[in-house]
Each structure stands twice: as C-alpha cells, then as structure tokens.
C-alpha cells in the first residue's frame, strides 16, 4: 500500500501542476512549489525504475502497472485533460530536468501549442496504438487495470470531505460523496456483487473513513439487490457514506481506545448519531436521508439502542440497511481491542440478532446477498 501511495502522489502532483499552469505564470510560487515536488517524485521513481510509464485508459490512470480510478477530483481532471490533449501514455526517463518538466506541464496545461515545437529529452508521450479501452498496452504496461483497485484513492477523498463537512458545515457541497457512491456502484457491477472483495481493499489510518466507505459498499449492494431504482440507490449510498460523520467530533483517544470503554466514554460515543444529524441538517445533501440515517442507524429493530426515541414512526429502511452493514463491517475489521472475524463467524453472531437487533426481512436479504 505504501508503494501505491507513492505512485498516486506522482499522479496527483502531475494533475495539480498542470492545473496550476493553466492559471498562474511560470514564476508564481504555487507553480514553483508543485513543479519542485513533482520533479522530486519523478527523480525518485525514475531512479528506481529507469523509466516510469503512465497510461490513461478510459476512466483509469495506470502507473507502473497500478491502476487508479479517477475518483479523486484532481486525478479525474488529469485524466480528462489527457483525453482532451489526445495523450494516452507518458514515459518519464531518468535524468529529467526541472526545465523539461516545466515545459511539458505548460504544454499540456496550456493546450495552445504543438509538442513538436519542443525537444523532449526524457519525456515520451502519445497514443496507444491498436489497443482498446479495456486492454492494457503491452508495450507500456504488463497488466490490465485490475478490478480489485476500483476504489483506490476513495478513502483520502472521503477523509477530506468528512473533515470539510465537520469543520465548515453549512455551504459544504457533497458532490465528491456522490462521485464515491457512483464509483461504488460501478465497482459492484464489475465485481458481480462480491462485496467482501471490495471492502477488503480499503486501507487508511482513520478507521471511521475506511469503515464509512465499507458500509457504503455493503448498503449500495443491498439496495441494488433489493431492486431500488438507481436514483434511490445513489441517495441511500450517500446516506450510508455519511452515517458516521458525527464521529469526526468525538475525541480520537476515545474512538481508538484499545480497552473497554468506561460509562462516560460510551456515552460520549453514543452522541455521534445526534451530532451527525445536526451537522447534516446544515448541509445541502439533496434530501433529508443522510440526516435521517445518521440519527437512526444505531436504533435497533426492537427500538433499543441509541439515541432513545419517543416517536412511533417506522425507522427508515435505509437506516436498517446501514445498521446491518455497520455491524457486519465492524465484526470483519481488525480493531486494536480484537482481531477481525471470518465471514462465517460474523454472520453466525449477527443471526442471533435477527428480529430484535435487525429488521428480519432486510437481514434475510442481506444473507442472501452474501450467499
């Protein structure tokens, strides 16, 4: 995973540099900082590999055989910019100078001149000849973009989104959250509903972020399996993605405590559904569903759980689906105070809560989905 983070850093800095070049003159400090950072990354990678290959295939960027979906807005803009310029592959060779890198970045970012006007010593670029979008060019890449990497980069996007929403509140846009849900839906179609395949891929040092993405994957799979229309699946997926946003306001030492929580700490944790609902009430999410799911996802089918509710209305189905996914991923994920459980063990434990903790029809549908 460290290797993948290094490579995504190259792609993001390339995208940021090209974006800055279309706005600022070459002498601008922002441009100089980005180009210097990108040059350092390229020096490190070409020193290791001699030649660093990057391919742009459909909505993926593939670098050193690692595919990344254009889920991060910067990466998505880079892929679109390369498509506009007709560039499907770039090779950076060892020895690239800051000057040549700057000329290439401004050539791509400006889009007003031909690359033939420049002499490229350590950069090759162009089209991939005779290769379809679904195939990797053997001259550049030795493997096809793996379906298993469809959500790489999503955790960092989600982390930034949650921090922004928790910090700014009103006025925050959730378009990046919708992009993540769309990528989840696409990933599930490719993987044939193999949700365990997708949720084991995420790696992030923030448990809330990785857990939220996993819960989104599971809930979207449930909603698709249940036959909800695509627009409803997107809304339900966004609600599931944001269900734990209230935890951004809970102290990290409580969230990451290795031992058993004391009464005061548990009460603090139990505040997160209400905190999250209050945060989401200030934000335009397109519907009230994220606020509802945040508030309800720890209320059990028998009305135990938290927060205490006095109203008699039914809990929203999306809240019940999120609750099922929440428990399943929590059992399947390693935590400092216990090991992750195998799928069969997790399911066996959850079956004890059918009809009390979990809504029975939706729980049965979930088991059918896993099967």
Protein backbone atom coordinates (compact mmCIF):
# COMPACT_ATOMS: atom_id res chain seq x y z
CA UNK A 1 0.00 0.00 0.00
CA UNK A 2 2.93 2.37 0.65
CA UNK A 3 4.05 1.85 -2.94
CA UNK A 4 0.60 2.72 -4.23
CA UNK A 5 0.54 5.88 -2.12
CA UNK A 6 3.87 6.95 -3.64
CA UNK A 7 2.54 6.42 -7.15
CA UNK A 8 -0.77 8.17 -6.56
CA UNK A 9 1.34 11.07 -5.25
CA UNK A 10 3.03 11.32 -8.65
CA UNK A 11 -0.32 11.37 -10.45
CA UNK A 12 -1.86 13.95 -8.11
CA UNK A 13 1.16 16.26 -8.26
CA UNK A 14 1.17 15.97 -12.06
CA UNK A 15 -2.52 16.87 -12.10
CA UNK A 16 -2.08 19.78 -9.68
CA UNK A 17 0.91 21.13 -11.62
CA UNK A 18 -0.97 21.03 -14.93
CA UNK A 19 -3.99 22.65 -13.31
CA UNK A 20 -1.84 25.43 -11.81
CA UNK A 21 -0.09 26.01 -15.14
CA UNK A 22 -3.39 26.93 -16.75
CA UNK A 23 -3.98 29.62 -14.12
CA UNK A 24 -0.62 31.02 -12.99
CA UNK A 25 2.54 32.25 -14.77
CA UNK A 26 5.69 30.17 -14.53
CA UNK A 27 7.16 32.45 -11.86
CA UNK A 28 4.25 32.02 -9.45
CA UNK A 29 5.20 30.46 -6.10
CA UNK A 30 2.40 27.87 -6.26
CA UNK A 31 3.66 26.62 -9.63
CA UNK A 32 7.26 26.52 -8.45
CA UNK A 33 6.34 24.51 -5.33
CA UNK A 34 4.27 21.97 -7.24
CA UNK A 35 6.84 21.53 -10.00
CA UNK A 36 9.62 21.06 -7.47
CA UNK A 37 7.63 18.43 -5.60
CA UNK A 38 6.67 16.65 -8.82
CA UNK A 39 10.27 16.70 -10.02
CA UNK A 40 11.46 15.17 -6.74
CA UNK A 41 8.87 12.40 -7.03
CA UNK A 42 9.82 11.69 -10.65
CA UNK A 43 13.51 11.64 -9.79
CA UNK A 44 12.85 9.07 -7.07
CA UNK A 45 10.68 6.87 -9.30
CA UNK A 46 12.87 7.03 -12.41
CA UNK A 47 15.91 6.38 -10.23
CA UNK A 48 14.21 3.19 -9.09
CA UNK A 49 12.72 2.11 -12.43
CA UNK A 50 14.84 3.98 -15.03
CA UNK A 51 11.59 4.69 -16.93
CA UNK A 52 8.24 5.47 -15.32
CA UNK A 53 5.26 4.65 -17.55
CA UNK A 54 1.82 6.21 -17.14
CA UNK A 55 -1.20 5.16 -19.19
CA UNK A 56 -4.66 6.72 -19.41
CA UNK A 57 -7.31 4.10 -20.19
CA UNK A 58 -10.94 5.18 -20.04
CA UNK A 59 -11.55 6.46 -16.52
CA UNK A 60 -8.34 4.91 -15.12
CA UNK A 61 -4.78 6.12 -14.87
CA UNK A 62 -2.28 3.26 -14.76
CA UNK A 63 1.18 3.96 -13.38
CA UNK A 64 3.87 1.30 -13.04
CA UNK A 65 1.14 -1.34 -13.55
CA UNK A 66 -1.00 0.01 -10.69
CA UNK A 67 -4.42 1.22 -11.87
CA UNK A 68 -6.20 4.11 -10.17
CA UNK A 69 -9.79 5.11 -10.84
CA UNK A 70 -10.38 8.83 -11.39
CA UNK A 71 -12.21 9.12 -8.08
CA UNK A 72 -10.11 11.92 -6.64
CA UNK A 73 -11.19 15.22 -8.31
CA UNK A 74 -7.58 16.11 -9.15
CA UNK A 75 -6.99 12.71 -10.75
CA UNK A 76 -10.28 12.91 -12.62
CA UNK A 77 -9.30 16.32 -14.05
CA UNK A 78 -5.89 14.95 -15.07
CA UNK A 79 -7.49 12.04 -16.93
CA UNK A 80 -9.91 14.38 -18.71
CA UNK A 81 -7.11 16.80 -19.61
CA UNK A 82 -5.06 13.98 -21.13
CA UNK A 83 -8.10 12.83 -23.07
CA UNK A 84 -8.58 16.39 -24.40
CA UNK A 85 -4.93 16.54 -25.47
CA UNK A 86 -5.09 13.10 -27.09
CA UNK A 87 -2.43 11.72 -24.74
CA UNK A 88 -2.87 8.06 -23.77
CA UNK A 89 0.60 7.33 -22.45
CA UNK A 90 3.56 9.21 -20.97
CA UNK A 91 7.02 7.88 -20.20
CA UNK A 92 9.41 9.78 -17.93
CA UNK A 93 13.04 8.66 -18.14
CA UNK A 94 15.79 9.02 -15.58
CA UNK A 95 17.62 12.34 -15.89
CA UNK A 96 14.59 14.56 -16.48
CA UNK A 97 15.43 18.18 -15.65
CA UNK A 98 13.19 20.75 -13.94
CA UNK A 99 13.19 22.81 -17.12
CA UNK A 100 11.98 20.00 -19.37
CA UNK A 101 9.32 19.03 -16.84
CA UNK A 102 8.08 22.63 -16.65
CA UNK A 103 7.89 22.90 -20.45
CA UNK A 104 5.89 19.66 -20.63
CA UNK A 105 3.49 20.72 -17.87
CA UNK A 106 2.82 24.07 -19.55
CA UNK A 107 2.47 22.36 -22.93
CA UNK A 108 -0.24 20.05 -21.55
CA UNK A 109 -1.88 22.70 -19.37
CA UNK A 110 -1.86 25.48 -21.95
CA UNK A 111 -3.07 23.41 -24.90
CA UNK A 112 -2.28 26.14 -27.39
CA UNK A 113 0.89 24.79 -28.99
CA UNK A 114 2.14 21.59 -30.52
CA UNK A 115 4.54 19.33 -28.68
CA UNK A 116 6.57 19.18 -31.87
CA UNK A 117 7.79 22.70 -31.06
CA UNK A 118 9.69 21.26 -28.10
CA UNK A 119 12.62 18.90 -27.94
CA UNK A 120 11.92 16.25 -25.33
CA UNK A 121 14.99 14.54 -23.93
CA UNK A 122 13.44 12.42 -21.17
CA UNK A 123 9.72 12.51 -21.95
CA UNK A 124 7.79 10.48 -24.48
CA UNK A 125 4.03 10.75 -24.91
CA UNK A 126 1.36 9.88 -27.43
CA UNK A 127 -1.37 7.41 -28.25
CA UNK A 128 -1.51 3.70 -27.55
CA UNK A 129 -1.71 2.17 -30.98
CA UNK A 130 -4.18 -0.61 -31.70
CA UNK A 131 -5.35 -1.11 -28.13
CA UNK A 132 -8.96 -0.87 -26.98
CA UNK A 133 -10.00 0.94 -23.83
CA UNK A 134 -10.47 -2.34 -21.98
CA UNK A 135 -6.97 -3.61 -22.80
CA UNK A 136 -3.64 -2.54 -21.40
CA UNK A 137 -0.87 -1.68 -23.86
CA UNK A 138 1.74 -4.41 -23.57
CA UNK A 139 4.46 -2.01 -24.71
CA UNK A 140 3.74 0.24 -21.76
CA UNK A 141 2.01 -1.88 -19.13
CA UNK A 142 2.21 -5.56 -18.42
CA UNK A 143 -1.23 -5.96 -16.88
CA UNK A 144 -4.78 -4.85 -17.40
CA UNK A 145 -6.29 -2.44 -14.85
CA UNK A 146 -7.36 -4.75 -12.06
CA UNK A 147 -10.95 -4.59 -10.92
CA UNK A 148 -9.64 -5.01 -7.41
CA UNK A 149 -8.32 -1.43 -7.45
CA UNK A 150 -11.57 0.25 -8.42
CA UNK A 151 -11.85 2.17 -5.13
CA UNK A 152 -8.20 3.06 -4.57
CA UNK A 153 -7.95 6.69 -3.51
CA UNK A 154 -11.55 6.89 -2.27
CA UNK A 155 -10.54 6.91 1.40
CA UNK A 156 -8.48 10.08 1.04
CA UNK A 157 -11.28 11.81 -0.85
CA UNK A 158 -13.77 10.79 1.81
CA UNK A 159 -11.49 11.90 4.65
CA UNK A 160 -11.20 15.37 3.15
CA UNK A 161 -14.95 15.51 2.61
CA UNK A 162 -15.78 14.50 6.20
CA UNK A 163 -13.30 16.99 7.63
CA UNK A 164 -14.73 19.73 5.42
CA UNK A 165 -18.30 18.92 6.41
CA UNK A 166 -17.49 18.70 10.11
CA UNK A 167 -15.46 21.92 10.01
CA UNK A 168 -17.47 24.14 7.70
CA UNK A 169 -20.96 22.73 7.95
CA UNK A 170 -23.39 24.95 6.09
CA UNK A 171 -22.46 25.57 2.49
CA UNK A 172 -20.37 22.44 2.07
CA UNK A 173 -21.03 20.59 -1.17
CA UNK A 174 -21.28 16.79 -1.21
CA UNK A 175 -20.57 16.22 -4.90
CA UNK A 176 -17.41 14.28 -4.06
CA UNK A 177 -19.52 11.96 -1.91
CA UNK A 178 -21.83 11.33 -4.85
CA UNK A 179 -18.79 10.56 -7.01
CA UNK A 180 -17.69 7.95 -4.49
CA UNK A 181 -21.14 6.34 -4.48
CA UNK A 182 -21.10 6.25 -8.29
CA UNK A 183 -17.70 4.53 -8.18
CA UNK A 184 -19.02 2.03 -5.63
CA UNK A 185 -21.96 1.21 -7.90
CA UNK A 186 -19.61 0.79 -10.83
CA UNK A 187 -17.29 -1.39 -8.79
CA UNK A 188 -20.10 -3.66 -7.67
CA UNK A 189 -21.24 -4.11 -11.25
CA UNK A 190 -17.72 -5.13 -12.23
CA UNK A 191 -17.24 -7.44 -9.26
CA UNK A 192 -20.67 -9.05 -9.56
CA UNK A 193 -21.79 -8.03 -6.04
CA UNK A 194 -18.72 -9.55 -4.37
CA UNK A 195 -18.88 -7.05 -1.54
CA UNK A 196 -16.24 -8.78 0.58
CA UNK A 197 -13.82 -8.34 -2.33
CA UNK A 198 -14.39 -4.60 -2.37
CA UNK A 199 -14.47 -3.87 1.34
CA UNK A 200 -11.16 -5.65 1.97
CA UNK A 201 -9.37 -3.28 -0.44
CA UNK A 202 -9.51 -0.08 1.55
CA UNK A 203 -6.54 0.89 3.70
CA UNK A 204 -6.43 4.05 5.76
CA UNK A 205 -5.13 5.04 9.17
CA UNK A 206 -8.52 6.57 10.03
CA UNK A 207 -10.93 3.77 10.94
CA UNK A 208 -14.02 5.98 10.57
CA UNK A 209 -13.12 6.76 6.96
CA UNK A 210 -12.40 3.19 5.89
CA UNK A 211 -15.43 1.90 7.79
CA UNK A 212 -17.72 4.50 6.21
CA UNK A 213 -16.59 3.52 2.72
CA UNK A 214 -17.07 -0.17 3.50
CA UNK A 215 -20.55 0.44 4.88
CA UNK A 216 -21.39 2.39 1.73
CA UNK A 217 -20.28 -0.57 -0.41
CA UNK A 218 -22.44 -3.01 1.57
CA UNK A 219 -25.51 -0.77 1.66
CA UNK A 220 -25.33 0.01 -2.05
CA UNK A 221 -25.10 -3.73 -2.71
CA UNK A 222 -28.16 -4.30 -0.50
CA UNK A 223 -30.14 -1.57 -2.25
CA UNK A 224 -29.28 -2.87 -5.72
CA UNK A 225 -30.06 -6.43 -4.64
CA UNK A 226 -33.43 -5.27 -3.29
CA UNK A 227 -34.32 -3.67 -6.64
CA UNK A 228 -34.29 0.01 -5.69
CA UNK A 229 -34.16 2.42 -8.67
CA UNK A 230 -30.71 3.78 -9.47
CA UNK A 231 -31.52 7.28 -8.22
CA UNK A 232 -32.68 5.84 -4.89
CA UNK A 233 -29.56 3.67 -4.66
CA UNK A 234 -27.43 6.79 -5.07
CA UNK A 235 -29.28 8.61 -2.27
CA UNK A 236 -29.14 5.58 0.02
CA UNK A 237 -25.45 5.13 -0.74
CA UNK A 238 -24.69 8.77 0.09
CA UNK A 239 -26.57 8.43 3.39
CA UNK A 240 -24.59 5.30 4.26
CA UNK A 241 -21.31 7.00 3.30
CA UNK A 242 -22.03 9.86 5.73
CA UNK A 243 -23.67 7.83 8.51
CA UNK A 244 -20.76 8.20 10.95
CA UNK A 245 -19.88 11.83 10.28
CA UNK A 246 -20.72 12.63 13.88
CA UNK A 247 -17.62 10.68 14.95
CA UNK A 248 -15.49 13.47 13.48
CA UNK A 249 -16.49 15.44 16.58
CA UNK A 250 -15.59 12.68 19.06
CA UNK A 251 -12.05 12.80 20.57
CA UNK A 252 -9.67 10.39 18.84
CA UNK A 253 -8.43 8.90 22.10
CA UNK A 254 -11.94 7.60 22.75
CA UNK A 255 -12.51 6.32 19.21
CA UNK A 256 -9.16 4.50 19.18
CA UNK A 257 -9.09 3.24 22.75
CA UNK A 258 -7.69 -0.28 22.91
CA UNK A 259 -9.51 -1.38 26.04
CA UNK A 260 -13.15 -1.41 27.09
CA UNK A 261 -14.88 1.98 27.16
CA UNK A 262 -16.00 3.23 30.56
CA UNK A 263 -19.52 4.57 31.04
CA UNK A 264 -18.61 8.18 30.37
CA UNK A 265 -16.67 7.29 27.20
CA UNK A 266 -19.51 5.14 25.86
CA UNK A 267 -21.99 7.95 26.49
CA UNK A 268 -19.73 10.27 24.52
CA UNK A 269 -19.56 7.78 21.62
CA UNK A 270 -23.33 7.37 21.75
CA UNK A 271 -23.72 11.08 20.99
CA UNK A 272 -22.39 10.69 17.43
CA UNK A 273 -25.75 9.92 15.71
CA UNK A 274 -27.31 13.13 17.06
CA UNK A 275 -24.16 15.16 16.37
CA UNK A 276 -24.07 13.82 12.82
CA UNK A 277 -27.73 14.57 12.20
CA UNK A 278 -27.24 18.14 13.39
CA UNK A 279 -24.24 18.58 11.09
CA UNK A 280 -26.08 17.17 8.09
CA UNK A 281 -29.12 19.33 8.73
CA UNK A 282 -26.94 22.34 7.87
CA UNK A 283 -25.70 20.85 4.60
CA UNK A 284 -27.47 20.56 1.25
CA UNK A 285 -27.35 16.83 0.54
CA UNK A 286 -30.20 16.72 -1.97
CA UNK A 287 -32.55 15.08 0.53
CA UNK A 288 -33.01 14.57 4.27
CA UNK A 289 -32.00 10.91 4.03
CA UNK A 290 -28.36 11.35 5.19
CA UNK A 291 -29.60 13.22 8.27
CA UNK A 292 -32.22 10.52 8.96
CA UNK A 293 -29.77 7.63 8.58
CA UNK A 294 -27.16 9.35 10.73
CA UNK A 295 -29.73 9.75 13.50
CA UNK A 296 -31.30 6.29 13.21
CA UNK A 297 -28.51 3.85 12.36
CA UNK A 298 -27.97 2.70 15.96
CA UNK A 299 -31.69 2.27 16.73
CA UNK A 300 -32.41 -1.45 16.70
CA UNK A 301 -35.47 -3.17 15.30
CA UNK A 302 -36.88 -3.63 18.82
CA UNK A 303 -36.30 0.12 19.46
CA UNK A 304 -33.41 -0.47 21.86
CA UNK A 305 -30.04 1.05 21.05
CA UNK A 306 -29.42 4.77 20.89
CA UNK A 307 -30.47 7.54 20.82
CA UNK A 308 -33.68 6.97 22.78
CA UNK A 309 -36.70 7.67 20.57
CA UNK A 310 -40.19 8.52 21.72
CA UNK A 311 -41.88 8.71 18.31
CA UNK A 312 -43.79 5.78 16.90
CA UNK A 313 -42.97 6.17 13.22
CA UNK A 314 -41.15 3.37 11.44
CA UNK A 315 -37.40 3.52 11.08
CA UNK A 316 -36.35 4.21 7.50
CA UNK A 317 -35.28 1.06 5.56
CA UNK A 318 -32.01 2.78 4.64
CA UNK A 319 -31.26 3.10 8.37
CA UNK A 320 -31.89 -0.60 8.92
CA UNK A 321 -29.67 -1.50 5.95
CA UNK A 322 -26.94 0.80 7.26
CA UNK A 323 -27.21 -0.78 10.71
CA UNK A 324 -26.73 -4.27 9.23
CA UNK A 325 -23.73 -3.12 7.20
CA UNK A 326 -22.32 -1.21 10.18
CA UNK A 327 -22.28 -4.30 12.40
CA UNK A 328 -21.02 -6.63 9.67
CA UNK A 329 -18.04 -4.46 8.75
CA UNK A 330 -17.23 -3.80 12.42
CA UNK A 331 -17.02 -7.55 13.02
CA UNK A 332 -14.99 -8.17 9.86
CA UNK A 333 -12.46 -5.39 10.54
CA UNK A 334 -9.41 -5.54 12.78
CA UNK A 335 -9.63 -3.23 15.78
CA UNK A 336 -6.98 -2.52 18.44
CA UNK A 337 -9.01 -4.43 21.03
CA UNK A 338 -9.78 -7.56 18.94
CA UNK A 339 -8.94 -9.40 15.75
CA UNK A 340 -11.13 -9.35 12.66
CA UNK A 341 -13.62 -12.21 12.40
CA UNK A 342 -14.10 -14.56 9.49
CA UNK A 343 -17.27 -14.06 7.45
CA UNK A 344 -18.93 -17.22 8.77
CA UNK A 345 -18.24 -16.21 12.38
CA UNK A 346 -19.54 -12.68 11.83
CA UNK A 347 -22.73 -13.95 10.18
CA UNK A 348 -23.27 -16.50 12.97
CA UNK A 349 -23.07 -13.76 15.59
CA UNK A 350 -25.42 -11.50 13.64
CA UNK A 351 -28.03 -14.21 13.18
CA UNK A 352 -28.67 -14.05 16.92
CA UNK A 353 -29.97 -10.50 16.42
CA UNK A 354 -32.47 -11.30 13.66
CA UNK A 355 -35.86 -9.86 14.64
CA UNK A 356 -34.52 -7.99 17.66
CA UNK A 357 -31.45 -6.03 16.56
CA UNK A 358 -32.02 -6.36 12.80
CA UNK A 359 -35.17 -5.99 10.70
CA UNK A 360 -35.80 -9.62 9.70
CA UNK A 361 -36.73 -9.21 6.02
CA UNK A 362 -33.80 -6.93 5.26
CA UNK A 363 -31.47 -9.17 7.26
CA UNK A 364 -32.58 -12.21 5.26
CA UNK A 365 -31.99 -10.26 2.05
CA UNK A 366 -28.51 -9.39 3.32
CA UNK A 367 -27.71 -13.05 3.98
CA UNK A 368 -28.98 -13.90 0.50
CA UNK A 369 -26.70 -11.21 -0.92
CA UNK A 370 -23.68 -12.64 0.88
CA UNK A 371 -24.54 -16.12 -0.35
